[in-house]
Amino acid sequence: MPGVLLIHPPVAKVSEPPVGIAVLTGVLERAGVECSVLDLNLLGLEGLIRGPVSGDDVWTRRALRHRDENLRAIRHRDTYTDLDRYVRLVMDLNRLVERSAVNASASGRRISLTNYQDEALAPTRSQDLLRAAENPDANPFVPILAAQLTRAMDASQPMAVGFSLNYLSQALCTFALIGHIRKSWPDVRIILGGGLVTSWVGRLRGGDDVLGGNPLEFLWKQGQGPTRSSSSSGCFDAGFFGGLVDTLIAGPGEAGLLQLFDSMWPEKGDHGLPGYARFPLDDYFAPGRILPFAASRGCYWNRCAFCPEPAEGNRFIPMGHHRVVRDLRALSDLHHPMLIHMVDNAISPALLDALTEAPPGAPWYGFVRFSRRLTDPVFCRALRRAGCVMLKLGLESGSQSVLDQEGKGVELALAEVVLKSLKSAGIASYVYLLFGTPSESEVEARATLTLTARLSNEIDFLNVALFNLPLTGRARADVEILPHADDLSLYASFRHPKGWDRRAVRRFLDREFRRHPAIAGILRRDPPFFTSNHAPFFVRGPGAE
């Protein structure tokens, strides 16, 4: 029986297979639904790199001269023993993406290894997405990918094609590919799901939590509102996006897809492993196989101010610890990964305990909250013996007042002990900072600078970000929302209650924070473009003899 072709569209980091599609594939296979996968992100980016380039400057000539060598080297572990060599290689590959002939043919368009932008089309405007679909060949990826897509369609003869749309950087390319499929295979059902779609529908559901405007008003202009086909599946049947999309799936896609194929859930507790065998695991831009794995959905903390998770209906749903350790071990035995990427919003302390008792069989890393458990050097050493090579942690601010007002649940004194304990155990830390929150002023930002510099010996990598105000979330009376026009915007501009606007924040970061000698050294260690996805390869652990 014809099944579904699941597509991972450009542009996203190309270091590992997409976890969402892998999970869907595992469930569909167990339920007896025919499915195939196509990573058009990997094929598209490599297609740009291998294609003709525009420009004759010295940097482009160098990148072209070393193209084949660099494509081999990005997949070889020796490259990751020399950061300077790695940086040159990645910048050369990115140069070929930027200067690809199909990209250079259009002004105002910028493509990188991790992003896609077009000055003429915004991924936050539904009409621009429709325009991208109306003229698919104008998108640089469609001509490159058309042949692979045709082969996949001919081979699988699917009843439906499902796109996993998770990032704004994928939106315009996704709709161009949808437009191409509509023209070439008009009878195929188009399904659209993924994290970004969940956020869009979260605005639709948001009600009073939506900060300004009528959420997704364009959906209601098509004759009728979206009709939920099941109260539990998050599956909507309607003529979405001008009839381009037949079905929109919000949240986990397993139930919605199974419903479309009139299939039952597999036997309880036996949904199968994520289906990575259908992906070209050795072709990703990494020195070995990376397997992403989700042990939970949602966030167990779920109390941060302005967090959109509650409005999007994303409850915390953990997988049982016994199943997690069983599945991780099975995946390690089956695929022999060089690294496991735990993609949870935050790995719970209880799961960390379980992993120390039953290691997954391969080095691993993931995001955690600062917790008292991690202040124990003995426990941190047990984590390291269990394969943990790096932990990502959201410190956010060096001001306790800011952390308290934003509901972060982080104690600075405890965080400092955690970072020291991880360092002593040989576990790298990738620390996230967030500037420009409504609770922050320049005084608090300088406190973050001071704390970061003081802890620079304990911090291995830094992510420095500016605060974006979600349109769905917990509103605060002292935050004035400014008007916004784009109907698919997820974030709103706002008047900062302390006058600490984005321009002032950027000036502080560029002129002071990033130039501080202790902080600049940390920032230079961050792998360009691939950031935390490649950072574990620059610490002792993965692939070490």
Protein backbone atom coordinates (compact mmCIF):
# COMPACT_ATOMS: atom_id res chain seq x y z
CA MET A 1 0.00 0.00 0.00
CA PRO A 2 1.40 3.46 -0.84
CA GLY A 3 2.68 5.20 2.24
CA VAL A 4 4.40 8.47 3.09
CA LEU A 5 7.65 10.14 2.08
CA LEU A 6 9.06 12.21 4.97
CA ILE A 7 11.29 15.14 3.99
CA HIS A 8 13.83 17.15 5.96
CA PRO A 9 14.06 20.47 4.04
CA PRO A 10 16.92 23.00 3.87
CA VAL A 11 18.42 24.93 5.63
CA ALA A 12 19.47 23.54 9.01
CA LYS A 13 22.66 22.26 10.59
CA VAL A 14 23.85 19.31 8.59
CA SER A 15 25.81 17.46 11.26
CA GLU A 16 23.25 14.75 12.12
CA PRO A 17 19.96 13.24 10.94
CA PRO A 18 16.69 14.91 12.03
CA VAL A 19 15.42 13.32 15.22
CA GLY A 20 11.73 14.07 14.60
CA ILE A 21 11.57 12.18 11.31
CA ALA A 22 13.58 9.32 12.79
CA VAL A 23 11.06 8.96 15.62
CA LEU A 24 8.14 9.08 13.18
CA THR A 25 9.76 6.47 11.00
CA GLY A 26 10.22 4.12 13.93
CA VAL A 27 6.58 4.36 14.95
CA LEU A 28 5.24 4.07 11.40
CA GLU A 29 7.36 1.00 10.72
CA ARG A 30 6.06 -0.69 13.87
CA ALA A 31 2.50 0.15 12.80
CA GLY A 32 3.01 -1.35 9.35
CA VAL A 33 2.82 1.95 7.43
CA GLU A 34 5.14 2.16 4.42
CA CYS A 35 7.47 5.12 4.77
CA SER A 36 10.66 6.47 3.24
CA VAL A 37 12.82 9.46 4.12
CA LEU A 38 14.71 12.08 2.15
CA ASP A 39 17.19 14.47 3.71
CA LEU A 40 17.01 17.33 1.23
CA ASN A 41 18.93 19.54 3.64
CA LEU A 42 22.04 17.38 3.32
CA LEU A 43 21.59 16.88 -0.42
CA GLY A 44 20.87 20.56 -1.02
CA LEU A 45 23.82 22.00 0.88
CA GLU A 46 26.26 19.54 -0.63
CA GLY A 47 24.73 20.28 -4.02
CA LEU A 48 25.47 23.98 -3.59
CA ILE A 49 29.02 23.22 -2.46
CA ARG A 50 29.72 20.90 -5.41
CA GLY A 51 28.06 23.15 -7.97
CA PRO A 52 29.48 26.09 -9.95
CA VAL A 53 30.43 29.21 -8.05
CA SER A 54 30.35 32.91 -8.85
CA GLY A 55 33.31 35.13 -8.08
CA ASP A 56 37.04 35.15 -8.71
CA ASP A 57 38.39 36.61 -5.47
CA VAL A 58 41.23 34.94 -3.61
CA TRP A 59 39.02 33.46 -0.89
CA THR A 60 36.58 31.88 -3.34
CA ARG A 61 39.43 30.47 -5.43
CA ARG A 62 40.97 28.94 -2.32
CA ALA A 63 37.63 27.42 -1.26
CA LEU A 64 37.11 25.99 -4.74
CA ARG A 65 40.62 24.60 -4.93
CA HIS A 66 40.22 22.71 -1.63
CA ARG A 67 36.55 21.74 -2.08
CA ASP A 68 36.93 17.96 -2.40
CA GLU A 69 39.62 17.82 0.25
CA ASN A 70 37.48 19.84 2.67
CA LEU A 71 34.39 17.70 2.09
CA ARG A 72 36.45 14.67 3.05
CA ALA A 73 38.10 16.41 5.98
CA ILE A 74 34.85 17.64 7.59
CA ARG A 75 34.01 13.93 7.97
CA HIS A 76 37.41 12.90 9.39
CA ARG A 77 38.28 12.95 13.08
CA ASP A 78 41.82 14.28 12.56
CA THR A 79 40.34 17.62 11.45
CA TYR A 80 38.90 18.09 14.92
CA THR A 81 42.28 17.96 16.63
CA ASP A 82 43.22 21.37 15.20
CA LEU A 83 40.69 24.17 15.74
CA ASP A 84 42.44 26.59 13.38
CA ARG A 85 42.39 24.06 10.56
CA TYR A 86 38.76 23.24 11.29
CA VAL A 87 37.75 26.92 11.19
CA ARG A 88 39.47 27.48 7.83
CA LEU A 89 37.80 24.39 6.40
CA VAL A 90 34.31 25.32 7.58
CA MET A 91 34.67 28.90 6.39
CA ASP A 92 35.78 27.62 2.97
CA LEU A 93 32.76 25.32 2.70
CA ASN A 94 30.48 28.15 3.74
CA ARG A 95 32.12 30.39 1.13
CA LEU A 96 31.09 27.94 -1.58
CA VAL A 97 27.52 27.95 -0.30
CA GLU A 98 27.45 31.75 -0.25
CA ARG A 99 29.03 32.06 -3.71
CA SER A 100 27.16 29.23 -5.40
CA ALA A 101 26.06 30.28 -8.86
CA VAL A 102 22.36 29.59 -8.25
CA ASN A 103 22.49 31.76 -5.14
CA ALA A 104 24.44 34.59 -6.76
CA SER A 105 21.88 34.87 -9.55
CA ALA A 106 19.42 36.61 -7.21
CA SER A 107 20.13 39.80 -5.32
CA GLY A 108 19.12 40.14 -1.69
CA ARG A 109 19.38 36.44 -0.96
CA ARG A 110 21.85 35.07 1.56
CA ILE A 111 22.54 31.40 2.19
CA SER A 112 24.96 29.91 4.68
CA LEU A 113 25.60 26.44 6.08
CA THR A 114 22.92 27.13 8.68
CA ASN A 115 20.59 29.82 7.36
CA TYR A 116 18.52 31.03 4.43
CA GLN A 117 17.36 34.64 4.06
CA ASP A 118 15.70 36.52 1.25
CA GLU A 119 15.14 40.27 1.45
CA ALA A 120 12.15 39.95 -0.90
CA LEU A 121 10.41 37.15 1.00
CA ALA A 122 9.90 36.83 4.73
CA PRO A 123 9.27 33.42 6.36
CA THR A 124 7.02 35.19 8.87
CA ARG A 125 4.51 36.30 6.22
CA SER A 126 2.07 33.75 4.85
CA GLN A 127 1.73 35.61 1.56
CA ASP A 128 5.48 35.38 1.03
CA LEU A 129 5.40 31.65 1.68
CA LEU A 130 2.68 31.38 -0.97
CA ARG A 131 4.84 33.39 -3.36
CA ALA A 132 7.73 31.00 -2.76
CA ALA A 133 5.43 28.10 -3.66
CA GLU A 134 4.06 29.84 -6.78
CA ASN A 135 7.54 30.18 -8.28
CA PRO A 136 9.48 27.21 -6.88
CA ASP A 137 12.26 27.27 -9.48
CA ALA A 138 13.32 30.68 -8.18
CA ASN A 139 14.49 28.96 -5.00
CA PRO A 140 18.12 27.87 -5.46
CA PHE A 141 17.55 24.46 -3.91
CA VAL A 142 14.68 23.30 -6.14
CA PRO A 143 16.69 22.95 -9.38
CA ILE A 144 19.42 21.12 -7.45
CA LEU A 145 17.02 18.76 -5.68
CA ALA A 146 14.42 18.15 -8.40
CA ALA A 147 16.13 15.03 -9.77
CA GLN A 148 16.61 13.42 -6.33
CA LEU A 149 13.02 14.21 -5.42
CA THR A 150 11.75 12.67 -8.67
CA ARG A 151 13.74 9.49 -8.04
CA ALA A 152 12.39 9.24 -4.51
CA MET A 153 8.80 9.81 -5.66
CA ASP A 154 9.14 7.24 -8.45
CA ALA A 155 10.67 4.68 -6.11
CA SER A 156 8.19 4.99 -3.24
CA GLN A 157 5.02 6.11 -5.06
CA PRO A 158 3.74 7.72 -1.83
CA MET A 159 0.16 8.60 -1.09
CA ALA A 160 1.43 11.55 0.98
CA VAL A 161 4.55 13.68 1.38
CA GLY A 162 5.26 15.03 4.85
CA PHE A 163 7.54 17.98 5.56
CA SER A 164 9.15 18.46 8.97
CA LEU A 165 9.42 22.25 9.35
CA ASN A 166 11.25 23.21 12.53
CA TYR A 167 13.09 26.47 11.87
CA LEU A 168 12.38 29.75 10.10
CA SER A 169 15.52 29.09 8.05
CA GLN A 170 13.63 26.16 6.45
CA ALA A 171 10.30 27.86 5.78
CA LEU A 172 10.85 29.47 2.37
CA CYS A 173 12.62 26.40 1.00
CA THR A 174 9.89 24.14 2.37
CA PHE A 175 7.17 26.06 0.57
CA ALA A 176 9.16 26.19 -2.65
CA LEU A 177 9.47 22.40 -2.50
CA ILE A 178 5.75 22.10 -1.71
CA GLY A 179 5.00 24.23 -4.77
CA HIS A 180 7.22 22.00 -6.90
CA ILE A 181 5.45 18.86 -5.68
CA ARG A 182 2.02 20.41 -6.25
CA LYS A 183 2.94 21.12 -9.88
CA SER A 184 4.63 17.79 -10.55
CA TRP A 185 2.44 15.44 -8.48
CA PRO A 186 -0.87 17.27 -7.97
CA ASP A 187 -2.69 14.28 -6.47
CA VAL A 188 -0.24 13.67 -3.64
CA ARG A 189 -1.41 14.72 -0.19
CA ILE A 190 0.83 17.34 1.46
CA ILE A 191 1.34 17.09 5.22
CA LEU A 192 3.14 19.81 7.16
CA GLY A 193 4.38 19.37 10.72
CA GLY A 194 7.36 20.11 12.94
CA GLY A 195 8.35 22.50 15.68
CA LEU A 196 7.69 25.71 13.74
CA VAL A 197 4.23 24.52 12.72
CA THR A 198 3.51 23.65 16.36
CA SER A 199 4.45 27.21 17.32
CA TRP A 200 2.21 28.69 14.63
CA VAL A 201 -0.74 26.60 15.80
CA GLY A 202 0.18 27.52 19.38
CA ARG A 203 -0.57 31.12 18.47
CA LEU A 204 -3.89 29.98 17.05
CA ARG A 205 -4.74 28.24 20.28
CA GLY A 206 -3.27 30.98 22.43
CA GLY A 207 -6.42 32.95 23.17
CA ASP A 208 -5.71 35.49 25.88
CA ASP A 209 -2.08 34.41 26.04
CA VAL A 210 -1.42 35.80 22.57
CA LEU A 211 0.25 39.18 22.93
CA GLY A 212 -1.46 41.36 20.37
CA GLY A 213 -3.11 40.70 17.02
CA ASN A 214 -5.34 37.90 15.77
CA PRO A 215 -3.22 34.75 15.68
CA LEU A 216 -2.85 33.11 12.29
CA GLU A 217 -5.72 35.18 10.94
CA PHE A 218 -4.83 34.12 7.41
CA LEU A 219 -5.95 30.57 8.20
CA TRP A 220 -9.44 31.81 8.88
CA LYS A 221 -9.65 33.75 5.61
CA GLN A 222 -9.86 30.61 3.53
CA GLY A 223 -13.59 30.06 3.95
CA GLN A 224 -13.49 28.19 7.23
CA GLY A 225 -11.26 27.78 10.21
CA PRO A 226 -9.09 24.74 10.63
CA THR A 227 -11.09 21.66 11.49
CA ARG A 228 -9.44 19.35 13.97
CA SER A 229 -9.86 15.81 12.73
CA SER A 230 -9.11 14.34 16.13
CA SER A 231 -9.26 15.86 19.58
CA SER A 232 -6.00 14.23 20.57
CA SER A 233 -3.88 13.99 17.44
CA GLY A 234 -3.20 17.70 16.86
CA CYS A 235 -4.09 17.04 13.23
CA PHE A 236 -5.98 19.71 11.29
CA ASP A 237 -7.72 19.10 7.97
CA ALA A 238 -8.36 22.24 5.93
CA GLY A 239 -7.17 24.03 2.84
CA PHE A 240 -4.22 25.61 4.57
CA PHE A 241 -1.99 28.11 2.82
CA GLY A 242 -4.21 28.60 -0.21
CA GLY A 243 -4.84 24.88 -0.57
CA LEU A 244 -1.14 24.02 -0.81
CA VAL A 245 -1.17 22.02 2.41
CA ASP A 246 -3.81 19.37 3.00
CA THR A 247 -3.04 18.56 6.62
CA LEU A 248 -1.30 20.49 9.36
CA ILE A 249 -0.01 18.54 12.37
CA ALA A 250 0.82 20.34 15.60
CA GLY A 251 2.90 18.68 18.27
CA PRO A 252 4.09 15.07 18.06
CA GLY A 253 3.20 13.77 14.63
CA GLU A 254 2.81 10.05 15.31
CA ALA A 255 -0.89 10.07 16.18
CA GLY A 256 -1.82 12.36 13.29
CA LEU A 257 0.06 10.32 10.70
CA LEU A 258 -1.29 7.02 11.97
CA GLN A 259 -4.81 8.46 11.84
CA LEU A 260 -4.34 9.55 8.24
CA PHE A 261 -3.35 6.01 7.31
CA ASP A 262 -6.10 4.43 9.43
CA SER A 263 -3.43 2.66 11.45
CA MET A 264 -3.42 1.81 15.13
CA TRP A 265 -0.73 2.66 17.62
CA PRO A 266 1.78 -0.14 18.06
CA GLU A 267 1.41 -2.22 21.17
CA LYS A 268 1.86 -0.04 24.25
CA GLY A 269 5.47 0.29 25.27
CA ASP A 270 6.75 -1.18 22.00
CA HIS A 271 6.87 1.74 19.56
CA GLY A 272 10.25 0.73 18.21
CA LEU A 273 13.55 2.56 18.00
CA PRO A 274 13.98 5.78 16.02
CA GLY A 275 14.46 4.80 12.38
CA TYR A 276 17.98 5.97 11.58
CA ALA A 277 18.78 3.15 9.15
CA ARG A 278 17.02 5.01 6.33
CA PHE A 279 19.36 8.01 6.65
CA PRO A 280 22.87 8.27 5.12
CA LEU A 281 24.50 8.29 8.55
CA ASP A 282 28.06 8.47 7.23
CA ASP A 283 27.40 11.42 4.91
CA TYR A 284 26.70 14.13 7.49
CA PHE A 285 29.21 16.86 8.21
CA ALA A 286 30.77 15.25 11.28
CA PRO A 287 33.79 13.03 12.03
CA GLY A 288 31.53 10.10 12.85
CA ARG A 289 27.92 9.15 13.31
CA ILE A 290 25.89 11.41 15.59
CA LEU A 291 22.55 10.06 16.77
CA PRO A 292 20.09 12.59 18.23
CA PHE A 293 17.75 11.13 20.84
CA ALA A 294 14.78 12.60 22.71
CA ALA A 295 14.07 11.14 26.16
CA SER A 296 11.20 13.55 26.80
CA ARG A 297 8.97 16.18 25.27
CA GLY A 298 8.36 19.58 26.76
CA CYS A 299 10.26 20.97 29.73
CA TYR A 300 10.06 19.67 33.29
CA TRP A 301 10.74 23.16 34.70
CA ASN A 302 8.24 25.08 32.54
CA ARG A 303 8.17 28.16 34.77
CA CYS A 304 10.28 30.70 32.90
CA ALA A 305 8.63 34.04 32.26
CA PHE A 306 7.48 34.49 28.64
CA CYS A 307 7.93 30.78 27.93
CA PRO A 308 5.68 29.84 24.97
CA GLU A 309 5.49 26.14 25.93
CA PRO A 310 2.25 26.39 28.00
CA ALA A 311 0.40 28.35 25.31
CA GLU A 312 1.53 25.82 22.69
CA GLY A 313 0.15 23.01 24.80
CA ASN A 314 3.54 21.35 25.19
CA ARG A 315 3.24 19.33 28.35
CA PHE A 316 6.26 17.59 29.82
CA ILE A 317 6.08 13.96 28.76
CA PRO A 318 9.08 11.90 29.85
CA MET A 319 9.93 8.53 28.41
CA GLY A 320 10.40 5.94 31.13
CA HIS A 321 14.01 5.76 32.30
CA HIS A 322 14.14 2.01 31.74
CA ARG A 323 13.10 2.48 28.11
CA VAL A 324 15.58 5.35 27.62
CA VAL A 325 18.61 3.36 28.75
CA ARG A 326 17.39 0.29 26.84
CA ASP A 327 16.86 2.22 23.61
CA LEU A 328 20.14 4.11 23.86
CA ARG A 329 22.07 0.90 24.34
CA ALA A 330 20.21 -0.73 21.44
CA LEU A 331 20.91 2.23 19.15
CA SER A 332 24.59 2.18 20.11
CA ASP A 333 24.84 -1.53 19.36
CA LEU A 334 22.99 -1.11 16.06
CA HIS A 335 24.60 2.02 14.62
CA HIS A 336 27.91 2.40 16.53
CA PRO A 337 27.66 6.20 16.91
CA MET A 338 30.64 8.35 17.69
CA LEU A 339 28.36 10.63 19.71
CA ILE A 340 24.80 10.67 21.06
CA HIS A 341 23.04 14.04 21.19
CA MET A 342 20.33 14.18 23.86
CA VAL A 343 17.96 16.77 22.41
CA ASP A 344 15.66 17.20 25.44
CA ASN A 345 14.87 20.75 26.58
CA ALA A 346 16.51 19.64 29.80
CA ILE A 347 17.65 16.18 30.91
CA SER A 348 16.06 15.52 34.30
CA PRO A 349 18.28 14.75 37.33
CA ALA A 350 16.54 11.38 37.64
CA LEU A 351 17.54 10.46 34.08
CA LEU A 352 21.12 11.56 34.77
CA ASP A 353 21.12 9.10 37.67
CA ALA A 354 19.83 6.36 35.38
CA LEU A 355 22.52 7.06 32.79
CA THR A 356 25.28 6.75 35.38
CA GLU A 357 23.93 3.32 36.31
CA ALA A 358 23.38 2.16 32.71
CA PRO A 359 25.65 4.09 30.31
CA PRO A 360 24.40 4.31 26.72
CA GLY A 361 27.52 2.75 25.23
CA ALA A 362 28.75 5.86 23.39
CA PRO A 363 29.86 9.37 24.38
CA TRP A 364 26.93 11.75 24.83
CA TYR A 365 25.95 15.32 25.61
CA GLY A 366 22.81 17.37 26.18
CA PHE A 367 21.10 20.27 27.92
CA VAL A 368 20.61 20.27 31.70
CA ARG A 369 19.50 22.73 34.32
CA PHE A 370 21.78 23.82 37.13
CA SER A 371 20.82 21.42 39.90
CA ARG A 372 22.14 20.51 43.32
CA ARG A 373 22.93 17.02 42.04
CA LEU A 374 25.59 18.51 39.75
CA THR A 375 27.38 20.23 42.64
CA ASP A 376 28.64 16.81 43.75
CA PRO A 377 32.09 16.15 42.20
CA VAL A 378 31.68 12.41 42.81
CA PHE A 379 28.43 12.35 40.81
CA CYS A 380 29.98 14.42 38.02
CA ARG A 381 32.85 11.95 37.77
CA ALA A 382 30.28 9.15 37.54
CA LEU A 383 28.61 11.03 34.67
CA ARG A 384 31.96 11.33 32.93
CA ARG A 385 32.61 7.60 33.31
CA ALA A 386 29.13 7.00 31.82
CA GLY A 387 30.19 8.82 28.65
CA CYS A 388 29.06 12.40 29.31
CA VAL A 389 31.54 14.67 27.51
CA MET A 390 29.68 17.99 27.56
CA LEU A 391 26.65 19.57 29.19
CA LYS A 392 24.80 22.65 27.96
CA LEU A 393 23.52 24.91 30.73
CA GLY A 394 21.37 28.04 30.71
CA LEU A 395 23.02 30.47 33.10
CA GLU A 396 21.28 33.38 31.30
CA SER A 397 22.35 36.20 33.65
CA GLY A 398 24.92 37.12 36.27
CA SER A 399 22.23 38.96 38.27
CA GLN A 400 20.24 36.97 40.80
CA SER A 401 17.50 39.60 40.63
CA VAL A 402 17.08 39.08 36.87
CA LEU A 403 17.02 35.30 37.25
CA ASP A 404 14.36 35.51 39.96
CA GLN A 405 12.15 37.96 38.07
CA GLU A 406 12.35 35.86 34.89
CA GLY A 407 11.47 32.67 36.75
CA LYS A 408 14.65 30.89 35.70
CA GLY A 409 15.08 28.96 38.94
CA VAL A 410 18.87 29.35 38.87
CA GLU A 411 20.89 30.15 41.97
CA LEU A 412 24.16 31.84 41.05
CA ALA A 413 26.06 30.45 44.02
CA LEU A 414 24.95 26.93 43.11
CA ALA A 415 25.72 27.49 39.42
CA GLU A 416 29.29 28.43 40.25
CA VAL A 417 29.80 25.20 42.21
CA VAL A 418 28.25 23.17 39.37
CA LEU A 419 30.65 24.63 36.82
CA LYS A 420 33.63 23.88 39.06
CA SER A 421 32.44 20.31 39.67
CA LEU A 422 31.97 19.66 35.96
CA LYS A 423 35.40 21.07 35.19
CA SER A 424 37.08 18.90 37.81
CA ALA A 425 35.31 15.83 36.38
CA GLY A 426 36.46 16.54 32.82
CA ILE A 427 32.98 17.41 31.49
CA ALA A 428 32.94 20.44 29.21
CA SER A 429 30.36 23.16 29.82
CA TYR A 430 28.54 25.04 27.07
CA VAL A 431 26.97 28.02 28.83
CA TYR A 432 24.09 30.09 27.48
CA LEU A 433 23.68 33.78 28.31
CA LEU A 434 20.64 35.92 27.49
CA PHE A 435 20.82 39.71 27.35
CA GLY A 436 18.03 42.29 27.09
CA THR A 437 15.29 40.62 29.13
CA PRO A 438 12.69 43.02 30.56
CA SER A 439 14.25 42.58 34.03
CA GLU A 440 17.75 43.55 32.90
CA SER A 441 19.37 46.96 32.74
CA GLU A 442 22.93 47.90 31.86
CA VAL A 443 23.88 47.41 35.52
CA GLU A 444 22.72 43.78 35.49
CA ALA A 445 24.37 43.19 32.09
CA ARG A 446 27.68 44.33 33.56
CA ALA A 447 27.16 41.92 36.44
CA THR A 448 26.88 39.14 33.84
CA LEU A 449 30.14 40.30 32.27
CA THR A 450 31.87 40.31 35.65
CA LEU A 451 30.62 36.85 36.60
CA THR A 452 31.46 35.34 33.21
CA ALA A 453 35.00 36.71 33.32
CA ARG A 454 35.45 35.40 36.86
CA LEU A 455 34.27 31.92 35.85
CA SER A 456 36.13 31.90 32.53
CA ASN A 457 38.40 29.04 33.60
CA GLU A 458 35.34 26.88 34.29
CA ILE A 459 33.43 27.74 31.08
CA ASP A 460 34.50 25.95 27.93
CA PHE A 461 32.03 27.42 25.40
CA LEU A 462 29.62 30.35 25.38
CA ASN A 463 26.41 31.12 23.53
CA VAL A 464 25.51 34.82 23.74
CA ALA A 465 21.97 35.71 22.65
CA LEU A 466 19.57 38.66 22.66
CA PHE A 467 16.17 38.20 24.25
CA ASN A 468 13.19 37.79 21.91
CA LEU A 469 9.71 38.29 23.35
CA PRO A 470 7.41 35.40 22.35
CA LEU A 471 3.96 36.38 21.18
CA THR A 472 2.60 33.48 23.21
CA GLY A 473 3.54 33.30 26.85
CA ARG A 474 2.94 34.86 30.20
CA ALA A 475 2.37 38.58 29.68
CA ARG A 476 3.77 41.14 32.13
CA ALA A 477 2.10 44.44 32.89
CA ASP A 478 5.30 46.51 32.60
CA VAL A 479 6.10 45.34 29.07
CA GLU A 480 4.61 47.42 26.28
CA ILE A 481 4.15 45.39 23.10
CA LEU A 482 4.76 47.28 19.86
CA PRO A 483 2.60 46.68 16.74
CA HIS A 484 3.69 43.93 14.37
CA ALA A 485 2.50 43.25 10.84
CA ASP A 486 3.71 39.77 9.92
CA ASP A 487 0.96 37.21 10.47
CA LEU A 488 3.36 34.36 11.24
CA SER A 489 5.64 36.23 13.64
CA LEU A 490 6.49 34.28 16.76
CA TYR A 491 8.12 37.22 18.51
CA ALA A 492 7.10 40.81 19.21
CA SER A 493 9.05 44.01 19.51
CA PHE A 494 8.57 45.73 22.84
CA ARG A 495 9.47 48.93 24.63
CA HIS A 496 11.99 47.97 27.27
CA PRO A 497 10.78 49.10 30.70
CA LYS A 498 14.33 50.12 31.67
CA GLY A 499 15.35 51.67 28.36
CA TRP A 500 17.78 48.81 27.70
CA ASP A 501 16.80 48.38 24.06
CA ARG A 502 18.33 46.01 21.52
CA ARG A 503 20.58 48.68 20.01
CA ALA A 504 22.08 49.46 23.42
CA VAL A 505 22.47 45.76 24.20
CA ARG A 506 24.23 45.07 20.90
CA ARG A 507 26.56 48.00 21.44
CA PHE A 508 27.46 46.70 24.91
CA LEU A 509 28.06 43.18 23.63
CA ASP A 510 30.16 44.25 20.66
CA ARG A 511 32.23 46.92 22.38
CA GLU A 512 32.69 45.46 25.85
CA PHE A 513 31.47 41.96 26.53
CA ARG A 514 32.96 40.15 23.53
CA ARG A 515 36.20 42.16 23.78
CA HIS A 516 36.94 41.27 27.38
CA PRO A 517 40.15 39.20 27.19
CA ALA A 518 38.87 36.33 29.35
CA ILE A 519 35.57 36.13 27.45
CA ALA A 520 37.03 36.60 23.97
CA GLY A 521 39.17 33.51 24.50
CA ILE A 522 36.09 31.40 25.23
CA LEU A 523 34.19 32.74 22.22
CA ARG A 524 37.09 31.92 19.89
CA ARG A 525 36.77 28.26 20.85
CA ASP A 526 33.20 28.00 19.56
CA PRO A 527 33.01 26.06 16.27
CA PRO A 528 31.63 28.44 13.62
CA PHE A 529 28.17 27.58 12.23
CA PHE A 530 27.98 24.16 13.92
CA THR A 531 28.54 25.58 17.46
CA SER A 532 27.36 23.13 20.15
CA ASN A 533 26.79 20.31 17.61
CA HIS A 534 30.52 20.09 16.93
CA ALA A 535 31.84 21.42 20.24
CA PRO A 536 32.01 17.94 21.89
CA PHE A 537 34.58 16.90 19.29
CA PHE A 538 36.95 19.55 20.62
CA VAL A 539 36.95 18.15 24.15
CA ARG A 540 38.45 14.89 25.30
CA GLY A 541 35.94 12.11 24.74
CA PRO A 542 34.34 11.27 21.38
CA GLY A 543 36.66 9.16 19.30
CA ALA A 544 39.51 9.47 21.78
CA GLU A 545 41.87 6.53 21.80
